Protein backbone atom coordinates (compact mmCIF):
# COMPACT_ATOMS: atom_id res chain seq x y z
CA MET A 1 -38.98 -25.30 16.97
CA ALA A 2 -36.81 -23.82 13.82
CA SER A 3 -37.14 -27.67 12.10
CA LEU A 4 -40.70 -27.73 12.93
CA THR A 5 -41.30 -24.55 11.04
CA LEU A 6 -39.29 -25.33 8.50
CA LEU A 7 -41.46 -29.12 7.76
CA LEU A 8 -44.61 -26.99 8.17
CA LEU A 9 -43.50 -24.54 5.83
CA ALA A 10 -42.23 -27.27 3.18
CA PHE A 11 -45.64 -29.27 3.68
CA LEU A 12 -47.67 -25.96 2.90
CA LEU A 13 -45.10 -25.22 -0.46
CA SER A 14 -45.62 -28.88 -1.40
CA THR A 15 -49.27 -28.22 -1.76
CA ASN A 16 -48.75 -25.02 -3.83
CA THR A 17 -48.22 -25.64 -7.84
CA PHE A 18 -46.83 -22.48 -8.35
CA ALA A 19 -44.40 -22.72 -5.46
CA ALA A 20 -43.31 -26.19 -6.64
CA GLU A 21 -42.84 -24.91 -10.11
CA GLU A 22 -40.70 -21.88 -8.42
CA MET A 23 -38.28 -23.91 -6.77
CA GLU A 24 -37.62 -26.98 -5.35
CA GLU A 25 -37.89 -28.11 -2.38
CA GLU A 26 -34.76 -29.54 -1.30
CA GLU A 27 -33.21 -26.22 -2.35
CA LEU A 28 -35.60 -24.24 -0.73
CA LEU A 29 -35.07 -25.71 2.69
CA ALA A 30 -31.22 -25.87 2.06
CA LEU A 31 -31.90 -21.99 1.29
CA PHE A 32 -33.40 -21.14 4.76
CA GLU A 33 -31.18 -23.30 6.80
CA VAL A 34 -28.15 -21.63 5.11
CA MET A 35 -29.81 -18.06 6.17
CA GLY A 36 -30.64 -19.10 9.36
CA SER A 37 -27.06 -20.05 10.25
CA LEU A 38 -26.10 -16.70 9.46
CA LEU A 39 -28.48 -13.98 9.77
CA ASP A 40 -29.81 -13.08 13.15
CA TYR A 41 -33.48 -13.24 11.71
CA PRO A 42 -35.51 -16.37 12.77
CA ASP A 43 -38.63 -15.50 10.74
CA TRP A 44 -36.67 -15.06 7.54
CA PRO A 45 -38.43 -18.27 6.04
CA GLN A 46 -42.06 -16.66 6.47
CA ALA A 47 -40.72 -13.30 5.27
CA HIS A 48 -39.08 -15.13 2.27
CA PRO A 49 -41.22 -17.92 1.59
CA PHE A 50 -40.70 -17.41 -2.56
CA PRO A 51 -37.19 -16.06 -2.72
CA CYS A 52 -36.78 -16.19 -6.32
CA THR A 53 -40.13 -14.43 -7.11
CA ASP A 54 -43.00 -12.96 -5.10
CA THR A 55 -40.60 -12.64 -1.68
CA PRO A 56 -37.39 -11.61 -2.85
CA TRP A 57 -34.06 -10.72 -0.65
CA PRO A 58 -31.46 -8.50 -1.85
CA GLY A 59 -28.37 -10.96 -1.06
CA VAL A 60 -30.20 -13.80 -2.93
CA LYS A 61 -30.57 -14.30 -6.68
CA CYS A 62 -31.85 -16.92 -8.40
CA GLU A 63 -31.97 -18.22 -12.25
CA ILE A 64 -34.09 -20.37 -14.09
CA CYS A 65 -31.68 -23.32 -15.10
CA GLN A 66 -33.95 -25.67 -16.97
CA ALA A 67 -37.30 -26.49 -18.45
CA PRO A 68 -40.00 -26.62 -17.33
CA PRO A 69 -39.17 -23.62 -15.40
CA VAL A 70 -37.49 -24.16 -12.20
CA PHE A 71 -35.63 -21.44 -10.28
CA HIS A 72 -32.36 -22.05 -8.33
CA VAL A 73 -30.11 -20.12 -6.12
CA THR A 74 -27.10 -18.70 -7.92
CA GLN A 75 -26.18 -15.98 -5.60
CA ILE A 76 -25.84 -15.41 -1.95
CA HIS A 77 -24.24 -12.25 -0.71
CA ILE A 78 -24.38 -10.64 2.98
CA GLY A 79 -22.27 -7.70 3.49
CA PRO A 80 -22.28 -4.22 4.71
CA ASP A 81 -24.77 -3.09 1.60
CA ILE A 82 -27.19 -5.04 3.47
CA LEU A 83 -27.41 -4.09 7.12
CA ASP A 84 -30.88 -5.57 7.73
CA PRO A 85 -31.07 -8.14 9.51
CA PRO A 86 -27.43 -8.38 10.79
CA CYS A 87 -25.07 -11.81 11.27
CA LYS A 88 -25.94 -13.16 14.29
CA ILE A 89 -23.15 -13.93 16.96
CA SER A 90 -22.91 -17.66 16.27
CA ALA A 91 -22.85 -17.26 12.39
CA ASN A 92 -21.30 -20.30 10.62
CA LEU A 93 -20.82 -21.82 7.24
CA SER A 94 -24.00 -24.59 6.98
CA HIS A 95 -23.37 -27.64 5.45
CA ALA A 96 -26.66 -27.25 4.05
CA LEU A 97 -24.60 -25.07 1.10
CA LEU A 98 -23.92 -28.50 -0.54
CA ASN A 99 -27.53 -28.79 -1.14
CA LEU A 100 -27.38 -25.74 -3.30
CA PRO A 101 -25.22 -27.02 -6.13
CA TYR A 102 -26.17 -24.32 -8.66
CA LEU A 103 -24.58 -21.59 -6.47
CA LYS A 104 -22.28 -19.53 -8.92
CA SER A 105 -21.16 -16.86 -6.26
CA LEU A 106 -20.98 -16.63 -2.32
CA SER A 107 -19.90 -13.49 -0.54
CA ILE A 108 -19.85 -12.97 2.95
CA PHE A 109 -18.00 -10.05 4.34
CA SER A 110 -17.93 -9.15 8.29
CA CYS A 111 -20.05 -11.91 9.64
CA PHE A 112 -17.85 -14.28 11.38
CA THR A 113 -16.88 -12.03 14.22
CA ALA A 114 -17.33 -13.83 17.49
CA SER A 115 -18.06 -17.56 16.92
CA PRO A 116 -15.53 -19.98 15.51
CA ALA A 117 -15.88 -20.72 11.90
CA ALA A 118 -13.99 -22.95 9.39
CA LEU A 119 -13.98 -23.72 5.56
CA PHE A 120 -14.95 -27.48 5.45
CA PRO A 121 -13.29 -29.67 2.64
CA ALA A 122 -16.69 -31.02 1.19
CA LEU A 123 -17.84 -27.32 0.24
CA PHE A 124 -15.34 -27.34 -2.52
CA GLN A 125 -16.46 -30.82 -3.58
CA SER A 126 -20.25 -30.08 -4.25
CA LEU A 127 -20.30 -26.74 -5.52
CA SER A 128 -19.09 -27.56 -9.29
CA TYR A 129 -20.52 -24.27 -10.89
CA LEU A 130 -18.99 -21.77 -8.14
CA GLU A 131 -17.25 -18.87 -9.76
CA HIS A 132 -16.87 -16.40 -7.26
CA LEU A 133 -16.29 -16.92 -3.69
CA ALA A 134 -15.38 -14.10 -1.42
CA LEU A 135 -14.95 -14.32 2.58
CA GLN A 136 -13.47 -11.43 3.63
CA SER A 137 -13.16 -9.13 6.98
CA ASN A 138 -14.25 -12.37 9.19
CA PRO A 139 -11.84 -12.62 12.12
CA ALA A 140 -13.42 -15.67 13.52
CA LEU A 141 -13.26 -17.47 10.26
CA SER A 142 -9.97 -19.56 11.18
CA GLY A 143 -8.14 -23.23 10.40
CA VAL A 144 -6.56 -24.25 7.29
CA ILE A 145 -7.45 -23.91 3.65
CA PRO A 146 -8.40 -27.62 2.57
CA SER A 147 -6.77 -29.01 -0.62
CA SER A 148 -10.24 -29.76 -1.73
CA LEU A 149 -10.41 -26.33 -2.65
CA GLY A 150 -8.41 -27.64 -6.16
CA ASN A 151 -11.84 -29.43 -7.26
CA ALA A 152 -13.51 -25.92 -7.50
CA ALA A 153 -12.37 -25.99 -11.10
CA SER A 154 -14.94 -23.56 -12.31
CA LEU A 155 -13.53 -20.75 -9.80
CA ARG A 156 -12.45 -17.22 -11.37
CA VAL A 157 -12.29 -15.29 -8.53
CA LEU A 158 -11.00 -16.68 -4.72
CA SER A 159 -10.73 -13.86 -1.99
CA LEU A 160 -10.22 -15.01 1.39
CA SER A 161 -8.62 -11.63 2.59
CA GLN A 162 -8.07 -10.25 6.20
CA ASN A 163 -9.91 -13.71 8.09
CA SER A 164 -7.48 -15.54 10.62
CA LEU A 165 -6.76 -18.68 8.22
CA ASN A 166 -3.56 -20.35 8.99
CA GLY A 167 -1.52 -23.02 7.61
CA GLU A 168 -0.09 -23.51 4.36
CA ILE A 169 -1.34 -22.68 0.79
CA PRO A 170 -2.53 -26.05 -0.79
CA GLN A 171 -0.32 -27.31 -3.67
CA ALA A 172 -3.94 -28.31 -4.94
CA ILE A 173 -4.50 -24.15 -5.64
CA GLY A 174 -2.78 -24.86 -8.92
CA GLY A 175 -5.86 -26.96 -10.48
CA LEU A 176 -7.70 -23.81 -10.47
CA VAL A 177 -6.95 -22.88 -14.31
CA HIS A 178 -9.81 -20.63 -14.83
CA LEU A 179 -8.94 -18.20 -11.63
CA GLN A 180 -8.25 -14.89 -12.76
CA GLN A 181 -8.12 -13.09 -8.94
CA LEU A 182 -6.53 -14.78 -5.90
CA ASP A 183 -6.38 -12.80 -2.89
CA LEU A 184 -5.69 -14.61 0.42
CA SER A 185 -3.63 -11.29 2.05
CA TYR A 186 -4.18 -10.43 5.72
CA ASN A 187 -4.00 -13.83 7.14
CA ASN A 188 -1.59 -16.53 9.11
CA LEU A 189 -0.39 -18.41 6.40
CA SER A 190 3.11 -19.95 6.63
CA GLY A 191 5.11 -22.05 4.53
CA GLU A 192 6.39 -21.33 0.98
CA VAL A 193 4.63 -20.09 -1.76
CA PRO A 194 3.87 -23.06 -4.21
CA GLN A 195 5.27 -23.64 -7.10
CA THR A 196 1.95 -24.91 -8.45
CA ILE A 197 0.74 -21.23 -8.38
CA GLY A 198 2.69 -20.59 -12.00
CA GLY A 199 -0.01 -22.81 -13.65
CA LEU A 200 -2.56 -19.82 -13.17
CA LYS A 201 -2.52 -18.89 -16.65
CA SER A 202 -5.40 -16.95 -16.24
CA LEU A 203 -4.43 -15.08 -13.17
CA SER A 204 -4.36 -11.13 -13.50
CA ILE A 205 -4.42 -10.37 -9.63
CA LEU A 206 -2.41 -12.19 -7.15
CA ASP A 207 -2.22 -10.90 -3.39
CA LEU A 208 -0.69 -12.75 -1.09
CA SER A 209 0.57 -9.92 1.31
CA TRP A 210 0.51 -9.97 5.22
CA ASN A 211 1.06 -13.47 5.73
CA ALA A 212 4.07 -15.22 7.08
CA LEU A 213 5.03 -16.87 3.90
CA LYS A 214 8.76 -17.63 3.55
CA GLY A 215 11.56 -18.74 1.17
CA GLN A 216 12.41 -17.81 -2.29
CA LEU A 217 9.74 -16.20 -4.59
CA PRO A 218 9.04 -19.35 -6.91
CA SER A 219 10.46 -18.81 -10.39
CA SER A 220 7.06 -20.34 -11.85
CA LEU A 221 5.66 -16.79 -11.02
CA GLY A 222 7.17 -15.73 -14.48
CA ASN A 223 4.70 -18.14 -16.35
CA LEU A 224 2.09 -15.78 -15.47
CA GLN A 225 1.89 -13.72 -18.14
CA LEU A 226 -1.55 -11.93 -18.26
CA LEU A 227 -0.73 -10.80 -14.53
CA GLN A 228 -1.28 -7.20 -13.82
CA LYS A 229 -0.90 -7.00 -9.88
CA LEU A 230 1.59 -9.07 -7.65
CA ASP A 231 1.69 -8.16 -4.27
CA LEU A 232 3.78 -10.38 -1.79
CA GLY A 233 4.64 -7.44 0.60
CA SER A 234 4.95 -7.71 4.40
CA ASN A 235 5.86 -11.65 4.65
CA LYS A 236 9.15 -13.61 5.47
CA LEU A 237 10.29 -13.88 1.61
CA GLN A 238 14.15 -14.14 1.16
CA GLY A 239 16.97 -14.98 -1.57
CA LYS A 240 16.90 -13.00 -4.86
CA ILE A 241 14.60 -12.02 -7.36
CA SER A 242 14.37 -14.47 -10.21
CA GLN A 243 15.52 -13.03 -13.61
CA LYS A 244 12.08 -14.79 -14.81
CA LEU A 245 9.85 -12.21 -13.00
CA GLY A 246 10.77 -9.92 -15.86
CA MET A 247 8.53 -11.90 -18.35
CA LEU A 248 5.45 -10.37 -16.75
CA LYS A 249 5.25 -7.56 -19.26
CA LYS A 250 1.64 -6.89 -17.97
CA LEU A 251 2.51 -5.66 -14.57
CA VAL A 252 0.98 -2.72 -13.51
CA LEU A 253 1.90 -2.97 -9.80
CA LEU A 254 4.86 -4.62 -8.19
CA ASP A 255 5.01 -5.22 -4.38
CA LEU A 256 7.77 -6.79 -2.44
CA SER A 257 8.08 -4.51 0.78
CA HIS A 258 8.74 -5.67 3.86
CA ASN A 259 10.44 -8.95 3.27
CA PHE A 260 14.11 -10.26 3.43
CA ILE A 261 14.77 -10.32 -0.12
CA ASN A 262 18.38 -9.58 -1.63
CA GLY A 263 19.56 -7.43 -4.29
CA PRO A 264 20.20 -6.23 -7.09
CA ILE A 265 17.14 -6.01 -9.03
CA PRO A 266 17.10 -7.76 -12.00
CA GLU A 267 17.86 -6.34 -15.17
CA SER A 268 15.21 -8.07 -16.83
CA PHE A 269 12.50 -5.63 -14.98
CA GLY A 270 13.64 -3.19 -17.66
CA GLY A 271 11.08 -4.57 -19.85
CA PHE A 272 8.22 -3.56 -17.68
CA GLU A 273 6.69 -1.20 -19.90
CA HIS A 274 2.98 -0.90 -17.89
CA LEU A 275 4.76 -0.82 -14.61
CA GLU A 276 3.13 2.18 -12.47
CA TYR A 277 4.04 0.96 -8.99
CA LEU A 278 7.29 -0.45 -7.79
CA ILE A 279 7.53 -0.51 -3.95
CA LEU A 280 10.58 -2.79 -2.89
CA ASP A 281 11.21 -0.80 0.41
CA HIS A 282 12.57 -2.62 3.63
CA ASN A 283 14.77 -5.58 1.83
CA PRO A 284 18.12 -5.66 1.97
CA LEU A 285 18.95 -5.28 -1.58
CA ASN A 286 22.28 -3.38 -1.03
CA ALA A 287 23.01 -2.55 -4.37
CA ALA A 288 22.62 0.64 -6.73
CA VAL A 289 19.41 2.25 -8.18
CA PRO A 290 19.25 0.39 -11.51
CA LEU A 291 19.59 2.83 -14.49
CA PHE A 292 16.58 1.21 -16.46
CA LEU A 293 14.41 2.55 -14.16
CA GLY A 294 14.40 5.75 -15.92
CA SER A 295 12.84 3.91 -19.40
CA LEU A 296 9.82 2.86 -17.51
CA GLU A 297 8.20 5.69 -18.83
CA LYS A 298 4.57 4.93 -16.81
CA LEU A 299 6.08 4.57 -13.53
CA THR A 300 4.10 6.79 -11.34
CA SER A 301 5.30 5.74 -7.89
CA VAL A 302 8.63 4.31 -6.54
CA SER A 303 9.95 3.25 -3.08
CA LEU A 304 13.12 2.15 -2.17
CA SER A 305 13.45 3.17 1.06
CA GLU A 306 15.55 1.31 3.61
CA CYS A 307 17.12 -1.17 1.25
CA GLY A 308 20.65 -0.56 1.59
CA ILE A 309 20.57 1.47 -1.65
CA GLU A 310 24.02 2.99 -2.33
CA GLY A 311 25.72 5.28 -4.83
CA PRO A 312 24.22 8.63 -6.52
CA ILE A 313 20.67 8.88 -7.44
CA PRO A 314 20.70 8.35 -11.17
CA THR A 315 20.11 11.20 -13.65
CA SER A 316 17.72 8.73 -15.72
CA LEU A 317 14.92 9.31 -13.26
CA THR A 318 14.51 12.80 -14.31
CA SER A 319 12.98 11.32 -17.59
CA LEU A 320 9.97 9.85 -15.48
CA LYS A 321 7.57 12.56 -16.63
CA THR A 322 4.59 10.63 -15.17
CA LEU A 323 6.18 10.25 -11.39
CA THR A 324 4.15 11.23 -8.22
CA ALA A 325 5.94 10.03 -5.62
CA LEU A 326 9.79 8.77 -5.06
CA SER A 327 11.13 7.76 -1.93
CA LEU A 328 14.71 6.57 -0.93
CA ALA A 329 14.89 7.37 2.35
CA ASN A 330 17.17 5.84 4.93
CA ASN A 331 19.80 4.13 2.31
CA ASN A 332 23.86 5.24 1.93
CA LEU A 333 22.85 7.63 -1.23
CA SER A 334 25.69 10.08 -2.10
CA GLY A 335 26.69 12.66 -4.05
CA PRO A 336 24.66 15.91 -5.41
CA ILE A 337 20.79 15.52 -6.57
CA PRO A 338 20.02 16.18 -9.31
CA PRO A 339 18.42 19.23 -9.81
CA GLU A 340 16.12 18.19 -12.55
CA LEU A 341 13.93 16.30 -10.04
CA GLY A 342 12.47 19.56 -9.31
CA GLU A 343 11.13 19.97 -13.01
CA LEU A 344 9.29 16.86 -13.32
CA PRO A 345 5.59 18.33 -13.75
CA ASN A 346 3.79 15.40 -11.82
CA LEU A 347 6.10 15.02 -8.74
CA ASP A 348 4.30 15.56 -5.45
CA LEU A 349 6.15 13.71 -3.04
CA LEU A 350 9.75 13.37 -2.48
CA ASN A 351 11.65 11.54 0.27
CA LEU A 352 15.32 11.57 0.13
CA SER A 353 15.95 11.79 4.00
CA HIS A 354 18.61 9.91 6.24
CA ASN A 355 21.19 9.37 3.30
CA GLN A 356 24.85 10.97 2.50
CA LEU A 357 23.76 13.53 -0.06
CA SER A 358 25.95 16.94 -0.29
CA GLY A 359 26.12 19.61 -2.46
CA GLU A 360 23.99 22.58 -2.93
CA LEU A 361 20.19 22.45 -3.68
CA SER A 362 19.15 23.99 -6.71
CA PHE A 363 15.32 22.95 -6.90
CA PRO A 364 12.96 25.70 -7.96
CA ASN A 365 11.07 27.65 -5.68
CA GLU A 366 7.73 26.74 -7.40
CA PHE A 367 8.44 22.73 -6.82
CA MET A 368 9.52 23.29 -2.99
CA ASN A 369 6.58 25.36 -2.27
CA LYS A 370 4.20 22.98 -4.14
CA LEU A 371 5.88 20.24 -2.23
CA GLY A 372 5.77 21.70 1.27
CA LYS A 373 6.27 18.95 4.05
CA ARG A 374 6.04 16.27 1.14
CA LEU A 375 9.70 17.46 0.54
CA ASP A 376 11.66 15.34 2.89
CA LEU A 377 15.64 16.18 3.08
CA ARG A 378 16.23 15.42 6.93
CA GLY A 379 19.74 13.91 7.83
CA ASN A 380 21.59 14.76 4.84
CA TYR A 381 24.38 16.84 6.68
CA GLY A 382 26.19 17.47 3.25
CA LEU A 383 23.59 19.38 1.69
CA CYS A 384 23.08 23.22 1.86
CA SER A 385 20.83 25.61 -0.13
CA SER A 386 21.24 29.11 -1.57
CA GLN A 387 17.52 29.51 -1.71
CA ARG A 388 17.09 30.17 2.78
CA ARG A 389 14.08 32.46 2.28
CA ASN A 390 12.00 30.32 0.38
CA PHE A 391 13.10 26.84 1.57
CA SER A 392 10.56 24.48 2.68
CA VAL A 393 10.80 21.13 3.79
CA HIS A 394 9.53 18.21 6.68
CA SER A 395 13.00 19.30 8.29
CA ASP A 396 15.26 21.71 9.84
CA GLU A 397 16.53 23.76 7.08
CA PRO A 398 19.75 22.95 5.47
CA PRO A 399 22.80 25.11 6.18
CA TYR A 400 23.11 28.34 3.92
CA CYS A 401 25.74 28.06 1.06
CA LEU A 402 28.07 30.85 1.65
CA ASN A 403 30.43 29.87 -1.41
CA GLY A 404 27.80 28.51 -3.68
CA ALA A 405 26.06 31.70 -5.30
CA ARG A 406 25.47 31.24 -8.87
CA ASN A 407 24.99 34.84 -10.16
CA GLU A 408 25.30 38.66 -9.07
CA SER A 409 22.07 38.84 -7.85
CA GLU A 410 22.26 36.36 -5.24
CA LYS A 411 25.70 37.93 -3.96
CA GLN A 412 24.06 41.22 -3.75
CA GLU A 413 21.33 39.51 -1.76
CA ARG A 414 23.56 37.78 0.94
CA THR A 415 25.43 41.28 0.88
CA GLU A 416 22.55 43.10 1.74
CA ASP A 417 21.40 40.04 4.76
CA TYR A 418 25.17 40.80 5.81
CA LYS A 419 24.50 44.23 6.67
CA SER A 420 21.25 43.74 7.93
CA ILE A 421 22.95 41.53 11.13
CA GLN A 422 25.95 43.62 11.59
CA PRO A 423 26.65 44.56 15.46
CA ALA A 424 26.15 47.92 16.45
CA TRP A 425 29.07 49.34 17.14
CA ASN A 426 30.16 48.32 13.66
CA GLN A 427 27.57 50.95 12.21
CA TRP A 428 28.94 53.91 13.10
CA GLU A 429 30.73 53.52 9.39
CA ASP A 430 27.26 54.07 7.91
CA ASN A 431 27.02 57.62 9.58
CA SER A 432 28.49 60.88 7.82
CA CYS A 433 31.39 61.41 10.05
CA SER A 434 34.59 60.59 8.38
CA SER A 435 37.31 57.99 9.46
CA THR A 436 39.40 61.08 10.67
CA ASN A 437 36.76 62.38 12.99
CA LEU A 438 36.34 59.09 14.31
CA SER A 439 39.81 58.69 15.13
CA TRP A 440 40.07 62.02 16.81
CA ASP A 441 36.74 61.48 18.74
CA LYS A 442 38.71 57.82 20.15
CA ASP A 443 41.83 60.19 21.10
CA LEU A 444 39.67 62.25 22.65
CA MET A 445 37.81 59.38 24.77
CA LEU A 446 41.29 58.17 25.92
CA VAL A 447 42.49 61.53 27.22
CA PHE A 448 39.27 62.08 29.12
CA CYS A 449 39.45 58.47 30.53
CA ALA A 450 43.12 59.10 31.51
CA PHE A 451 42.05 62.47 33.36
CA VAL A 452 39.26 60.60 35.23
CA VAL A 453 41.62 57.76 36.49
CA ALA A 454 43.87 60.66 37.81
CA VAL A 455 41.29 62.64 39.86
CA VAL A 456 40.42 59.17 41.45
CA LEU A 457 43.59 58.32 42.29
CA CYS A 458 44.33 61.64 43.94
CA SER A 459 41.40 61.52 45.80
CA VAL A 460 41.91 58.43 47.28
CA LEU A 461 45.84 59.63 48.30
CA LEU A 462 44.43 62.44 49.89
CA GLU A 463 42.05 60.26 52.05
């Protein structure tokens, strides 16, 4: 019935001079078929017989590509911003897309949720104008990424995140020389990160996080001179970090967390003058906090938790005036906490819990009150605090420093506190009675007690 409707509609359109000028018949029928494979709206062709002019739909855009004026479909978008009509349960990628050769942008969000869908190889061989491909949040979109992807040479944005894709990233991806953003995060991709990615010289965003990628970080990543975001977190990557990664001078975010990467952190990272986010937690780095971190003036967030970090907290970190979050929890850090950390103007989260830190904590009261529960020092049993009344952390309060007062006012305060908790019998000394009177009262009490004992014994004997 649907095919009969399309043929009838095509016949009507072929007799309409305006419609023929508006759009080529083959392309119009292909659009109807594509929308029919996605949307739960069988009457979409009747509701939008002239989708480029008289009866437009918000997810379809057209352009005039040649003379005489003929419209071509250049964009198809289906997402949460267009709720009516919804995707149908059996939504899939139709091969009719191949008959939309002028398509520049195809974005489908949260549409393939029940019925299986897959990327077919011919898709990338025919759409030579395609610049933007975003198929995101489609849990039923599975299968491999076809190697024909390398034929889509015009692609600038490729986002296939939050799907169920598996298999390896094809080596042919290196052929996308105009690609600026590559996001394959939150899938089930395996194998190694292909060396050919280093050929994507225009890339500014690379996100392969939350997959099952293994092997070492390819040194070719250092060729991506325009890269601003590199996120390879939550994979199975291992080995050491190549010094060549330090060539990424424009990098703003680096996330290699939750892998099996060994340390130390390369000294070449000291050249990351634009770096704001350094996230390396949950890796067996087993090294000291590098001193050069203090020279990265734009750092706002540093996370090196559970990395086997050892040694002291370097005082160079106290020069990071833009720092808002510092997490060094679950390591083997030792020594005192630099008090200057409490003077960083923008620091709003400090987690140093479960280390071997020791000594007296000397943060300003204002700093501790500001952070509240965002200051976590649990599990550092060598720490103590002389600021018992104002101390506020996400933990039990560290012991009070009995021998660590820094001035006479603190000593006086501790003396007053001590007096306030003396046992009642010792408070007699606060009365107006002299020590002589107190001694006489004790003797009198002894005599009285002896007399009472004698009376009791006599009464027993007389019985």
